[in-house]
Amino acid sequence: MQTIDKGEAIRRMNFWGSEGEPFLFVIDFELERPIVLKLDEVPPESLLYDINGKRNFQKRTPSPKPVFFEKHAMPQAQYHQAFQLVMNNLKAGNSYLANLAFPTPVSTNLSLREAFFASQARYRLWQDNQFVCFSPEPFVTIDRNGQIASFPMKGTIDAALPEAKQQLLNNPKETAEHATIVDLIRNDLSMVAENVRVKRYRYIEEIETHQGGLLQSSSEIIGQLERGYEGRLGDIIFQLLPAGSISGAPKRKTVEIIQAAEGQARGYYTGICGIFDGKQLNSGVMIRFIEQTAEGMVFKSGGGITANSTEEEEYEEMLRKAYLPFAFRPELAAR
């Protein structure tokens, strides 16, 4: 798949936006390998997408074959070093919230393509021999009237726990983390829009996984773009990157901290993907992500770290987020 540089990506998005030309965009976390293609030129043999129901393939019933999916947790000692680096910066006041993420090796009898078709999520993307993403998290939407909206997602809990919803809403760490991200996203949107405000605060949704249900909390923040925004779509989107929910606050310094802690580029994980259909734009943050590496498949996941975080809880949350959101109840295969 041909990638382009940031400048060319912005130019294409601005021009095609002004022309009302539908296009797909896929942007990596480091903003170094964007993909921007006219919608009718996306090659389905190497890139499949389903962006909130807009897709370039015929919907199909997933294969009923027995499935196995096993996680091989990274040593907690390795996570400890990164966690301590982040925590030291939090205590020094260099950051208030940092999203720390790592790859978890996984074993499965599903190919990346099979995992794509077996999953269900608002934002799904498959790139041949590279990765598959099935994300529940919107980045920004822009409607035909120029209203821009963002939906930061912060806070998850096992839906099977007693009074899980109240546990999530009443958790002091989750409450503080969510408030920080909402404030960051509100400031981000204020760079590109007017009349920015929080429309919904900490609403709860449930998603099904191969491990059972998860509750997650999100907020909705909206603003109004100026007339003629279509000719500035590239500038608008890139000005908002990287997404605040998967970086932290303050954003620029926190990105430096997490890059030092993680020790490797994220690539397309925690980047964004989206579609402009000629009138409206819809995009998602690329979380819930399996990547093919030379050593095998890894599931990339992470979570927000605050001064109130504990290492054990954050380590377990990272592993809990490594799941497949199946579109069906799989028969488990014996190993």
C-alpha atoms as a PDB file:
ATOM      1  CA  MET A   1       0.000   0.000   0.000  1.00  0.00           C
ATOM      2  CA  GLN A   2       1.516   3.309  -1.100  1.00  0.00           C
ATOM      3  CA  THR A   3       2.007   5.861   1.643  1.00  0.00           C
ATOM      4  CA  ILE A   4       2.576   9.596   1.278  1.00  0.00           C
ATOM      5  CA  ASP A   5       4.022  12.322   3.454  1.00  0.00           C
ATOM      6  CA  LYS A   6       2.057  14.613   5.755  1.00  0.00           C
ATOM      7  CA  GLY A   7       2.105  17.566   3.356  1.00  0.00           C
ATOM      8  CA  GLU A   8       0.712  15.555   0.452  1.00  0.00           C
ATOM      9  CA  ALA A   9      -1.938  14.009   2.709  1.00  0.00           C
ATOM     10  CA  ILE A  10      -3.127  17.463   3.787  1.00  0.00           C
ATOM     11  CA  ARG A  11      -3.126  18.680   0.180  1.00  0.00           C
ATOM     12  CA  ARG A  12      -5.231  15.741  -1.052  1.00  0.00           C
ATOM     13  CA  MET A  13      -7.719  15.997   1.810  1.00  0.00           C
ATOM     14  CA  ASN A  14      -8.116  19.750   1.324  1.00  0.00           C
ATOM     15  CA  PHE A  15      -8.542  19.475  -2.443  1.00  0.00           C
ATOM     16  CA  TRP A  16     -10.868  16.480  -2.475  1.00  0.00           C
ATOM     17  CA  GLY A  17     -12.855  18.023   0.361  1.00  0.00           C
ATOM     18  CA  SER A  18     -13.358  21.227  -1.627  1.00  0.00           C
ATOM     19  CA  GLU A  19     -14.388  19.177  -4.678  1.00  0.00           C
ATOM     20  CA  GLY A  20     -16.813  16.970  -2.739  1.00  0.00           C
ATOM     21  CA  GLU A  21     -14.771  13.926  -3.781  1.00  0.00           C
ATOM     22  CA  PRO A  22     -15.237  10.945  -1.425  1.00  0.00           C
ATOM     23  CA  PHE A  23     -11.990   9.618   0.053  1.00  0.00           C
ATOM     24  CA  LEU A  24     -10.520   7.285   2.673  1.00  0.00           C
ATOM     25  CA  PHE A  25      -7.742   8.352   5.030  1.00  0.00           C
ATOM     26  CA  VAL A  26      -5.548   6.234   7.296  1.00  0.00           C
ATOM     27  CA  ILE A  27      -3.007   8.149   9.395  1.00  0.00           C
ATOM     28  CA  ASP A  28      -0.362   6.616  11.662  1.00  0.00           C
ATOM     29  CA  PHE A  29       0.371   7.861  15.186  1.00  0.00           C
ATOM     30  CA  GLU A  30       3.702   9.423  14.189  1.00  0.00           C
ATOM     31  CA  LEU A  31       2.113  11.163  11.136  1.00  0.00           C
ATOM     32  CA  GLU A  32       4.830   9.706   8.909  1.00  0.00           C
ATOM     33  CA  ARG A  33       2.978   7.224   6.638  1.00  0.00           C
ATOM     34  CA  PRO A  34      -0.490   8.544   5.784  1.00  0.00           C
ATOM     35  CA  ILE A  35      -2.683   6.807   3.224  1.00  0.00           C
ATOM     36  CA  VAL A  36      -5.237   9.011   1.429  1.00  0.00           C
ATOM     37  CA  LEU A  37      -7.139   7.483  -1.499  1.00  0.00           C
ATOM     38  CA  LYS A  38     -10.247   8.298  -3.493  1.00  0.00           C
ATOM     39  CA  LEU A  39     -12.939   5.950  -2.262  1.00  0.00           C
ATOM     40  CA  ASP A  40     -13.392   4.319  -5.665  1.00  0.00           C
ATOM     41  CA  GLU A  41      -9.635   3.672  -5.900  1.00  0.00           C
ATOM     42  CA  VAL A  42      -9.213   1.718  -2.645  1.00  0.00           C
ATOM     43  CA  PRO A  43      -7.976  -1.788  -3.644  1.00  0.00           C
ATOM     44  CA  PRO A  44     -10.102  -4.333  -1.710  1.00  0.00           C
ATOM     45  CA  GLU A  45      -7.537  -7.078  -2.279  1.00  0.00           C
ATOM     46  CA  SER A  46      -5.112  -5.242   0.013  1.00  0.00           C
ATOM     47  CA  LEU A  47      -7.266  -2.908   2.139  1.00  0.00           C
ATOM     48  CA  LEU A  48     -10.750  -3.530   3.536  1.00  0.00           C
ATOM     49  CA  TYR A  49     -12.694  -0.995   5.554  1.00  0.00           C
ATOM     50  CA  ASP A  50     -15.972  -0.708   7.415  1.00  0.00           C
ATOM     51  CA  ILE A  51     -16.308   2.835   8.744  1.00  0.00           C
ATOM     52  CA  ASN A  52     -19.529   3.005  10.736  1.00  0.00           C
ATOM     53  CA  GLY A  53     -21.362   0.949   8.117  1.00  0.00           C
ATOM     54  CA  LYS A  54     -19.681   2.291   4.968  1.00  0.00           C
ATOM     55  CA  ARG A  55     -17.654  -0.598   3.544  1.00  0.00           C
ATOM     56  CA  ASN A  56     -15.895  -1.803   0.403  1.00  0.00           C
ATOM     57  CA  PHE A  57     -16.928  -5.467   0.615  1.00  0.00           C
ATOM     58  CA  GLN A  58     -20.060  -7.570   0.645  1.00  0.00           C
ATOM     59  CA  LYS A  59     -21.192  -8.373   4.169  1.00  0.00           C
ATOM     60  CA  ARG A  60     -20.687 -12.049   4.879  1.00  0.00           C
ATOM     61  CA  THR A  61     -21.401 -14.583   7.607  1.00  0.00           C
ATOM     62  CA  PRO A  62     -18.211 -15.351   9.551  1.00  0.00           C
ATOM     63  CA  SER A  63     -16.744 -18.840   9.259  1.00  0.00           C
ATOM     64  CA  PRO A  64     -18.164 -21.084  12.006  1.00  0.00           C
ATOM     65  CA  LYS A  65     -14.833 -22.902  12.458  1.00  0.00           C
ATOM     66  CA  PRO A  66     -13.647 -23.408  16.056  1.00  0.00           C
ATOM     67  CA  VAL A  67     -11.477 -20.526  17.226  1.00  0.00           C
ATOM     68  CA  PHE A  68      -8.632 -20.272  19.661  1.00  0.00           C
ATOM     69  CA  PHE A  69      -7.131 -16.987  20.823  1.00  0.00           C
ATOM     70  CA  GLU A  70      -4.485 -16.945  23.523  1.00  0.00           C
ATOM     71  CA  LYS A  71      -2.544 -14.058  25.042  1.00  0.00           C
ATOM     72  CA  HIS A  72       1.058 -14.317  26.206  1.00  0.00           C
ATOM     73  CA  ALA A  73       1.544 -11.486  28.657  1.00  0.00           C
ATOM     74  CA  MET A  74       4.715  -9.433  28.551  1.00  0.00           C
ATOM     75  CA  PRO A  75       6.817  -9.762  31.723  1.00  0.00           C
ATOM     76  CA  GLN A  76       5.510  -7.395  34.356  1.00  0.00           C
ATOM     77  CA  ALA A  77       9.112  -6.414  35.130  1.00  0.00           C
ATOM     78  CA  GLN A  78       9.333  -4.923  31.633  1.00  0.00           C
ATOM     79  CA  TYR A  79       6.063  -3.056  32.154  1.00  0.00           C
ATOM     80  CA  HIS A  80       7.330  -1.891  35.563  1.00  0.00           C
ATOM     81  CA  GLN A  81      10.223   0.068  34.034  1.00  0.00           C
ATOM     82  CA  ALA A  82       7.955   1.947  31.633  1.00  0.00           C
ATOM     83  CA  PHE A  83       5.310   2.553  34.288  1.00  0.00           C
ATOM     84  CA  GLN A  84       7.889   4.035  36.656  1.00  0.00           C
ATOM     85  CA  LEU A  85       9.236   6.365  33.967  1.00  0.00           C
ATOM     86  CA  VAL A  86       5.719   7.653  33.309  1.00  0.00           C
ATOM     87  CA  MET A  87       4.892   7.910  37.012  1.00  0.00           C
ATOM     88  CA  ASN A  88       8.078   9.893  37.721  1.00  0.00           C
ATOM     89  CA  ASN A  89       7.061  12.408  35.053  1.00  0.00           C
ATOM     90  CA  LEU A  90       3.549  12.626  36.468  1.00  0.00           C
ATOM     91  CA  LYS A  91       4.906  13.329  39.936  1.00  0.00           C
ATOM     92  CA  ALA A  92       7.268  15.951  38.490  1.00  0.00           C
ATOM     93  CA  GLY A  93       4.302  17.744  36.922  1.00  0.00           C
ATOM     94  CA  ASN A  94       5.421  17.111  33.331  1.00  0.00           C
ATOM     95  CA  SER A  95       2.119  15.370  32.540  1.00  0.00           C
ATOM     96  CA  TYR A  96      -1.295  14.914  34.127  1.00  0.00           C
ATOM     97  CA  LEU A  97      -2.339  11.885  32.099  1.00  0.00           C
ATOM     98  CA  ALA A  98      -0.292   9.586  29.861  1.00  0.00           C
ATOM     99  CA  ASN A  99      -1.518   6.699  27.729  1.00  0.00           C
ATOM    100  CA  LEU A 100       0.948   3.809  28.007  1.00  0.00           C
ATOM    101  CA  ALA A 101       0.635   0.978  25.478  1.00  0.00           C
ATOM    102  CA  PHE A 102       2.494  -2.226  24.612  1.00  0.00           C
ATOM    103  CA  PRO A 103       2.183  -5.223  22.275  1.00  0.00           C
ATOM    104  CA  THR A 104       0.973  -8.506  23.757  1.00  0.00           C
ATOM    105  CA  PRO A 105       1.973 -11.603  21.735  1.00  0.00           C
ATOM    106  CA  VAL A 106      -1.069 -13.672  20.763  1.00  0.00           C
ATOM    107  CA  SER A 107      -1.664 -17.125  19.301  1.00  0.00           C
ATOM    108  CA  THR A 108      -4.714 -17.731  17.141  1.00  0.00           C
ATOM    109  CA  ASN A 109      -5.845 -19.906  14.262  1.00  0.00           C
ATOM    110  CA  LEU A 110      -7.412 -16.853  12.613  1.00  0.00           C
ATOM    111  CA  SER A 111      -5.633 -14.910   9.893  1.00  0.00           C
ATOM    112  CA  LEU A 112      -5.783 -11.121  10.038  1.00  0.00           C
ATOM    113  CA  ARG A 113      -8.409 -11.207   7.284  1.00  0.00           C
ATOM    114  CA  GLU A 114     -10.489 -13.838   9.098  1.00  0.00           C
ATOM    115  CA  ALA A 115     -10.292 -11.790  12.305  1.00  0.00           C
ATOM    116  CA  PHE A 116     -11.584  -8.794  10.346  1.00  0.00           C
ATOM    117  CA  PHE A 117     -14.647 -10.657   9.098  1.00  0.00           C
ATOM    118  CA  ALA A 118     -15.260 -12.327  12.475  1.00  0.00           C
ATOM    119  CA  SER A 119     -15.277  -9.023  14.364  1.00  0.00           C
ATOM    120  CA  GLN A 120     -17.867  -6.324  14.880  1.00  0.00           C
ATOM    121  CA  ALA A 121     -17.009  -2.717  15.682  1.00  0.00           C
ATOM    122  CA  ARG A 122     -17.807   0.816  14.526  1.00  0.00           C
ATOM    123  CA  TYR A 123     -14.450   1.153  12.808  1.00  0.00           C
ATOM    124  CA  ARG A 124     -12.809  -1.835  11.138  1.00  0.00           C
ATOM    125  CA  LEU A 125      -9.762  -1.846   8.897  1.00  0.00           C
ATOM    126  CA  TRP A 126      -7.633  -4.629   7.403  1.00  0.00           C
ATOM    127  CA  GLN A 127      -4.370  -4.092   5.580  1.00  0.00           C
ATOM    128  CA  ASP A 128      -2.920  -7.146   3.877  1.00  0.00           C
ATOM    129  CA  ASN A 129      -0.190  -8.905   5.895  1.00  0.00           C
ATOM    130  CA  GLN A 130       0.172  -5.898   8.191  1.00  0.00           C
ATOM    131  CA  PHE A 131      -2.677  -5.338  10.644  1.00  0.00           C
ATOM    132  CA  VAL A 132      -6.347  -5.544  11.482  1.00  0.00           C
ATOM    133  CA  CYS A 133      -8.206  -3.032  13.629  1.00  0.00           C
ATOM    134  CA  PHE A 134     -11.675  -3.242  15.186  1.00  0.00           C
ATOM    135  CA  SER A 135     -12.168  -0.069  17.159  1.00  0.00           C
ATOM    136  CA  PRO A 136     -15.199   1.104  19.136  1.00  0.00           C
ATOM    137  CA  GLU A 137     -13.860   4.658  19.545  1.00  0.00           C
ATOM    138  CA  PRO A 138     -14.837   7.570  17.264  1.00  0.00           C
ATOM    139  CA  PHE A 139     -12.246  10.283  16.665  1.00  0.00           C
ATOM    140  CA  VAL A 140     -14.208  13.130  15.088  1.00  0.00           C
ATOM    141  CA  THR A 141     -17.307  13.397  12.947  1.00  0.00           C
ATOM    142  CA  ILE A 142     -18.285  16.385  10.807  1.00  0.00           C
ATOM    143  CA  ASP A 143     -21.869  16.652   9.579  1.00  0.00           C
ATOM    144  CA  ARG A 144     -23.092  18.410   6.424  1.00  0.00           C
ATOM    145  CA  ASN A 145     -23.765  21.585   8.442  1.00  0.00           C
ATOM    146  CA  GLY A 146     -20.180  21.807   9.658  1.00  0.00           C
ATOM    147  CA  GLN A 147     -20.770  20.597  13.205  1.00  0.00           C
ATOM    148  CA  ILE A 148     -17.678  18.785  14.435  1.00  0.00           C
ATOM    149  CA  ALA A 149     -17.948  16.303  17.288  1.00  0.00           C
ATOM    150  CA  SER A 150     -15.446  14.227  19.245  1.00  0.00           C
ATOM    151  CA  PHE A 151     -16.187  11.250  21.494  1.00  0.00           C
ATOM    152  CA  PRO A 152     -13.232  10.521  23.805  1.00  0.00           C
ATOM    153  CA  MET A 153     -13.465   7.119  25.444  1.00  0.00           C
ATOM    154  CA  LYS A 154     -11.918   6.724  28.887  1.00  0.00           C
ATOM    155  CA  GLY A 155     -12.769   4.077  31.451  1.00  0.00           C
ATOM    156  CA  THR A 156     -13.633   0.385  31.074  1.00  0.00           C
ATOM    157  CA  ILE A 157     -14.848  -2.316  33.443  1.00  0.00           C
ATOM    158  CA  ASP A 158     -15.949  -5.944  33.258  1.00  0.00           C
ATOM    159  CA  ALA A 159     -19.711  -5.795  32.729  1.00  0.00           C
ATOM    160  CA  ALA A 160     -20.186  -8.963  34.796  1.00  0.00           C
ATOM    161  CA  LEU A 161     -18.974  -7.337  38.017  1.00  0.00           C
ATOM    162  CA  PRO A 162     -21.638  -6.445  40.614  1.00  0.00           C
ATOM    163  CA  GLU A 163     -23.001  -2.930  39.981  1.00  0.00           C
ATOM    164  CA  ALA A 164     -20.366  -2.503  37.269  1.00  0.00           C
ATOM    165  CA  LYS A 165     -21.810   0.755  35.931  1.00  0.00           C
ATOM    166  CA  GLN A 166     -21.759   2.443  39.334  1.00  0.00           C
ATOM    167  CA  GLN A 167     -18.290   1.084  40.061  1.00  0.00           C
ATOM    168  CA  LEU A 168     -17.037   2.685  36.853  1.00  0.00           C
ATOM    169  CA  LEU A 169     -18.806   6.012  37.370  1.00  0.00           C
ATOM    170  CA  ASN A 170     -17.741   6.254  41.021  1.00  0.00           C
ATOM    171  CA  ASN A 171     -14.091   5.259  40.538  1.00  0.00           C
ATOM    172  CA  PRO A 172     -12.005   8.348  41.509  1.00  0.00           C
ATOM    173  CA  LYS A 173      -9.137   7.474  39.163  1.00  0.00           C
ATOM    174  CA  GLU A 174     -11.460   6.922  36.181  1.00  0.00           C
ATOM    175  CA  THR A 175     -13.386  10.101  37.005  1.00  0.00           C
ATOM    176  CA  ALA A 176     -10.232  12.229  37.103  1.00  0.00           C
ATOM    177  CA  GLU A 177      -8.831  10.643  33.941  1.00  0.00           C
ATOM    178  CA  HIS A 178     -12.051  11.219  32.035  1.00  0.00           C
ATOM    179  CA  ALA A 179     -12.306  14.853  33.146  1.00  0.00           C
ATOM    180  CA  THR A 180      -8.717  15.503  32.023  1.00  0.00           C
ATOM    181  CA  ILE A 181      -9.324  14.078  28.556  1.00  0.00           C
ATOM    182  CA  VAL A 182     -12.604  15.948  28.089  1.00  0.00           C
ATOM    183  CA  ASP A 183     -10.816  19.190  28.938  1.00  0.00           C
ATOM    184  CA  LEU A 184      -8.005  18.361  26.490  1.00  0.00           C
ATOM    185  CA  ILE A 185     -10.396  17.513  23.647  1.00  0.00           C
ATOM    186  CA  ARG A 186     -12.439  20.651  24.309  1.00  0.00           C
ATOM    187  CA  ASN A 187      -9.250  22.691  23.961  1.00  0.00           C
ATOM    188  CA  ASP A 188      -8.266  20.774  20.808  1.00  0.00           C
ATOM    189  CA  LEU A 189     -11.612  21.428  19.126  1.00  0.00           C
ATOM    190  CA  SER A 190     -11.383  25.103  20.095  1.00  0.00           C
ATOM    191  CA  MET A 191      -8.348  25.367  17.793  1.00  0.00           C
ATOM    192  CA  VAL A 192     -10.487  24.592  14.746  1.00  0.00           C
ATOM    193  CA  ALA A 193     -14.099  25.370  15.745  1.00  0.00           C
ATOM    194  CA  GLU A 194     -16.288  27.897  17.532  1.00  0.00           C
ATOM    195  CA  ASN A 195     -18.917  27.466  20.264  1.00  0.00           C
ATOM    196  CA  VAL A 196     -17.247  24.317  21.602  1.00  0.00           C
ATOM    197  CA  ARG A 197     -19.169  22.625  24.416  1.00  0.00           C
ATOM    198  CA  VAL A 198     -19.748  19.272  26.127  1.00  0.00           C
ATOM    199  CA  LYS A 199     -23.038  17.796  24.922  1.00  0.00           C
ATOM    200  CA  ARG A 200     -22.915  14.477  26.841  1.00  0.00           C
ATOM    201  CA  TYR A 201     -20.641  13.653  29.759  1.00  0.00           C
ATOM    202  CA  ARG A 202     -19.611  10.120  30.740  1.00  0.00           C
ATOM    203  CA  TYR A 203     -22.305   8.073  29.035  1.00  0.00           C
ATOM    204  CA  ILE A 204     -21.954   4.286  29.231  1.00  0.00           C
ATOM    205  CA  GLU A 205     -21.958   1.745  26.395  1.00  0.00           C
ATOM    206  CA  GLU A 206     -21.504  -2.037  26.450  1.00  0.00           C
ATOM    207  CA  ILE A 207     -19.485  -4.012  23.925  1.00  0.00           C
ATOM    208  CA  GLU A 208     -19.305  -7.790  23.525  1.00  0.00           C
ATOM    209  CA  THR A 209     -15.953  -9.550  23.381  1.00  0.00           C
ATOM    210  CA  HIS A 210     -14.805 -13.165  23.247  1.00  0.00           C
ATOM    211  CA  GLN A 211     -14.173 -12.755  26.993  1.00  0.00           C
ATOM    212  CA  GLY A 212     -17.661 -11.399  27.810  1.00  0.00           C
ATOM    213  CA  GLY A 213     -19.111  -7.894  28.068  1.00  0.00           C
ATOM    214  CA  LEU A 214     -17.216  -4.675  28.779  1.00  0.00           C
ATOM    215  CA  LEU A 215     -18.671  -1.347  29.884  1.00  0.00           C
ATOM    216  CA  GLN A 216     -16.928   1.778  28.632  1.00  0.00           C
ATOM    217  CA  SER A 217     -17.518   5.455  29.338  1.00  0.00           C
ATOM    218  CA  SER A 218     -17.358   8.231  26.734  1.00  0.00           C
ATOM    219  CA  SER A 219     -18.271  11.897  26.374  1.00  0.00           C
ATOM    220  CA  GLU A 220     -19.470  13.928  23.393  1.00  0.00           C
ATOM    221  CA  ILE A 221     -17.954  17.348  22.674  1.00  0.00           C
ATOM    222  CA  ILE A 222     -19.215  19.476  19.776  1.00  0.00           C
ATOM    223  CA  GLY A 223     -18.335  22.714  17.993  1.00  0.00           C
ATOM    224  CA  GLN A 224     -19.082  24.624  14.782  1.00  0.00           C
ATOM    225  CA  LEU A 225     -16.669  24.930  11.857  1.00  0.00           C
ATOM    226  CA  GLU A 226     -16.544  28.035   9.676  1.00  0.00           C
ATOM    227  CA  ARG A 227     -18.117  28.080   6.215  1.00  0.00           C
ATOM    228  CA  GLY A 228     -15.852  26.567   3.587  1.00  0.00           C
ATOM    229  CA  TYR A 229     -14.335  24.093   6.033  1.00  0.00           C
ATOM    230  CA  GLU A 230     -14.436  21.397   3.317  1.00  0.00           C
ATOM    231  CA  GLY A 231     -11.388  22.976   1.668  1.00  0.00           C
ATOM    232  CA  ARG A 232      -9.455  22.702   4.940  1.00  0.00           C
ATOM    233  CA  LEU A 233     -10.285  19.125   5.954  1.00  0.00           C
ATOM    234  CA  GLY A 234      -6.639  18.073   5.890  1.00  0.00           C
ATOM    235  CA  ASP A 235      -5.511  21.028   7.971  1.00  0.00           C
ATOM    236  CA  ILE A 236      -8.332  20.488  10.465  1.00  0.00           C
ATOM    237  CA  ILE A 237      -7.701  16.766  10.973  1.00  0.00           C
ATOM    238  CA  PHE A 238      -3.921  17.024  11.254  1.00  0.00           C
ATOM    239  CA  GLN A 239      -4.198  19.923  13.686  1.00  0.00           C
ATOM    240  CA  LEU A 240      -6.108  17.621  16.045  1.00  0.00           C
ATOM    241  CA  LEU A 241      -3.549  14.783  15.894  1.00  0.00           C
ATOM    242  CA  PRO A 242      -2.478  12.720  17.662  1.00  0.00           C
ATOM    243  CA  ALA A 243      -5.797  11.952  19.316  1.00  0.00           C
ATOM    244  CA  GLY A 244      -5.865  13.180  22.902  1.00  0.00           C
ATOM    245  CA  SER A 245      -7.503  10.044  24.296  1.00  0.00           C
ATOM    246  CA  ILE A 246      -4.523   7.864  23.340  1.00  0.00           C
ATOM    247  CA  SER A 247      -1.726  10.344  24.070  1.00  0.00           C
ATOM    248  CA  GLY A 248      -2.419  12.469  27.154  1.00  0.00           C
ATOM    249  CA  ALA A 249      -2.198  15.951  28.611  1.00  0.00           C
ATOM    250  CA  PRO A 250      -0.448  18.229  27.974  1.00  0.00           C
ATOM    251  CA  LYS A 251      -0.247  16.531  24.611  1.00  0.00           C
ATOM    252  CA  ARG A 252       3.156  17.506  23.174  1.00  0.00           C
ATOM    253  CA  LYS A 253       5.189  16.784  26.315  1.00  0.00           C
ATOM    254  CA  THR A 254       3.221  13.637  27.095  1.00  0.00           C
ATOM    255  CA  VAL A 255       3.908  12.216  23.623  1.00  0.00           C
ATOM    256  CA  GLU A 256       7.633  12.647  24.321  1.00  0.00           C
ATOM    257  CA  ILE A 257       7.220  10.813  27.634  1.00  0.00           C
ATOM    258  CA  ILE A 258       5.293   7.844  26.240  1.00  0.00           C
ATOM    259  CA  GLN A 259       7.656   7.485  23.274  1.00  0.00           C
ATOM    260  CA  ALA A 260      10.569   7.249  25.722  1.00  0.00           C
ATOM    261  CA  ALA A 261       8.671   4.781  27.928  1.00  0.00           C
ATOM    262  CA  GLU A 262       7.428   2.534  25.125  1.00  0.00           C
ATOM    263  CA  GLY A 263      10.737   2.515  23.259  1.00  0.00           C
ATOM    264  CA  GLN A 264       9.260   1.868  19.811  1.00  0.00           C
ATOM    265  CA  ALA A 265       7.086   3.546  17.218  1.00  0.00           C
ATOM    266  CA  ARG A 266       3.364   2.776  17.436  1.00  0.00           C
ATOM    267  CA  GLY A 267       2.854   2.883  13.682  1.00  0.00           C
ATOM    268  CA  TYR A 268      -0.802   2.749  12.693  1.00  0.00           C
ATOM    269  CA  TYR A 269      -1.859   1.662  16.177  1.00  0.00           C
ATOM    270  CA  THR A 270      -3.599   4.645  17.865  1.00  0.00           C
ATOM    271  CA  GLY A 271      -3.595   6.502  14.570  1.00  0.00           C
ATOM    272  CA  ILE A 272      -6.921   7.239  12.902  1.00  0.00           C
ATOM    273  CA  CYS A 273      -8.957   6.016   9.944  1.00  0.00           C
ATOM    274  CA  GLY A 274     -11.972   7.625   8.342  1.00  0.00           C
ATOM    275  CA  ILE A 275     -14.077   8.479   5.335  1.00  0.00           C
ATOM    276  CA  PHE A 276     -15.276  11.706   3.773  1.00  0.00           C
ATOM    277  CA  ASP A 277     -18.305  10.731   1.677  1.00  0.00           C
ATOM    278  CA  GLY A 278     -18.497  14.039  -0.182  1.00  0.00           C
ATOM    279  CA  LYS A 279     -20.723  15.700   2.416  1.00  0.00           C
ATOM    280  CA  GLN A 280     -19.848  14.294   5.849  1.00  0.00           C
ATOM    281  CA  LEU A 281     -16.755  12.952   7.602  1.00  0.00           C
ATOM    282  CA  ASN A 282     -16.561  10.065  10.058  1.00  0.00           C
ATOM    283  CA  SER A 283     -13.358   8.812  11.668  1.00  0.00           C
ATOM    284  CA  GLY A 284     -12.198   6.474  14.421  1.00  0.00           C
ATOM    285  CA  VAL A 285      -9.163   6.010  16.641  1.00  0.00           C
ATOM    286  CA  MET A 286      -7.330   2.797  15.748  1.00  0.00           C
ATOM    287  CA  ILE A 287      -7.360   0.988  19.082  1.00  0.00           C
ATOM    288  CA  ARG A 288      -8.099  -2.768  19.502  1.00  0.00           C
ATOM    289  CA  PHE A 289      -5.383  -3.648  17.026  1.00  0.00           C
ATOM    290  CA  ILE A 290      -3.570  -6.829  15.914  1.00  0.00           C
ATOM    291  CA  GLU A 291      -0.333  -6.476  13.971  1.00  0.00           C
ATOM    292  CA  GLN A 292       1.675  -9.082  12.084  1.00  0.00           C
ATOM    293  CA  THR A 293       5.360  -8.915  13.006  1.00  0.00           C
ATOM    294  CA  ALA A 294       8.376 -11.024  12.089  1.00  0.00           C
ATOM    295  CA  GLU A 295       7.994 -12.800  15.441  1.00  0.00           C
ATOM    296  CA  GLY A 296       4.251 -13.406  15.063  1.00  0.00           C
ATOM    297  CA  MET A 297       1.013 -11.614  15.851  1.00  0.00           C
ATOM    298  CA  VAL A 298       0.804  -9.034  18.622  1.00  0.00           C
ATOM    299  CA  PHE A 299      -2.242  -7.319  20.076  1.00  0.00           C
ATOM    300  CA  LYS A 300      -1.491  -3.686  20.911  1.00  0.00           C
ATOM    301  CA  SER A 301      -3.346  -2.186  23.846  1.00  0.00           C
ATOM    302  CA  GLY A 302      -2.852   0.223  26.720  1.00  0.00           C
ATOM    303  CA  GLY A 303      -4.453   2.581  29.180  1.00  0.00           C
ATOM    304  CA  GLY A 304      -4.309   5.995  30.773  1.00  0.00           C
ATOM    305  CA  ILE A 305      -1.881   6.514  33.654  1.00  0.00           C
ATOM    306  CA  THR A 306      -2.478   9.196  36.288  1.00  0.00           C
ATOM    307  CA  ALA A 307      -0.784   9.987  39.591  1.00  0.00           C
ATOM    308  CA  ASN A 308      -3.472   7.836  41.260  1.00  0.00           C
ATOM    309  CA  SER A 309      -2.766   4.771  39.122  1.00  0.00           C
ATOM    310  CA  THR A 310      -1.411   1.508  40.500  1.00  0.00           C
ATOM    311  CA  GLU A 311       0.925  -0.616  38.426  1.00  0.00           C
ATOM    312  CA  GLU A 312      -0.959  -3.880  38.936  1.00  0.00           C
ATOM    313  CA  GLU A 313      -4.320  -2.423  37.886  1.00  0.00           C
ATOM    314  CA  GLU A 314      -2.881  -0.753  34.771  1.00  0.00           C
ATOM    315  CA  TYR A 315      -1.019  -3.907  33.744  1.00  0.00           C
ATOM    316  CA  GLU A 316      -4.199  -5.967  34.079  1.00  0.00           C
ATOM    317  CA  GLU A 317      -6.249  -3.364  32.178  1.00  0.00           C
ATOM    318  CA  MET A 318      -3.792  -3.470  29.287  1.00  0.00           C
ATOM    319  CA  LEU A 319      -4.163  -7.252  29.069  1.00  0.00           C
ATOM    320  CA  ARG A 320      -7.957  -7.114  29.484  1.00  0.00           C
ATOM    321  CA  LYS A 321      -8.209  -4.861  26.431  1.00  0.00           C
ATOM    322  CA  ALA A 322      -6.569  -7.498  24.226  1.00  0.00           C
ATOM    323  CA  TYR A 323      -9.763  -9.133  22.998  1.00  0.00           C
ATOM    324  CA  LEU A 324     -11.628 -10.022  19.833  1.00  0.00           C
ATOM    325  CA  PRO A 325     -15.069  -8.370  19.494  1.00  0.00           C
ATOM    326  CA  PHE A 326     -16.648 -11.304  17.695  1.00  0.00           C
ATOM    327  CA  ALA A 327     -19.757 -10.827  15.598  1.00  0.00           C
ATOM    328  CA  PHE A 328     -20.802 -14.330  16.691  1.00  0.00           C
ATOM    329  CA  ARG A 329     -20.287 -16.654  19.666  1.00  0.00           C
ATOM    330  CA  PRO A 330     -17.275 -18.730  18.609  1.00  0.00           C
ATOM    331  CA  GLU A 331     -16.827 -22.411  19.306  1.00  0.00           C
ATOM    332  CA  LEU A 332     -13.585 -22.665  21.238  1.00  0.00           C
ATOM    333  CA  ALA A 333     -10.963 -24.854  19.622  1.00  0.00           C
ATOM    334  CA  ALA A 334      -8.823 -27.279  21.589  1.00  0.00           C
ATOM    335  CA  ARG A 335      -5.081 -26.650  21.539  1.00  0.00           C
END
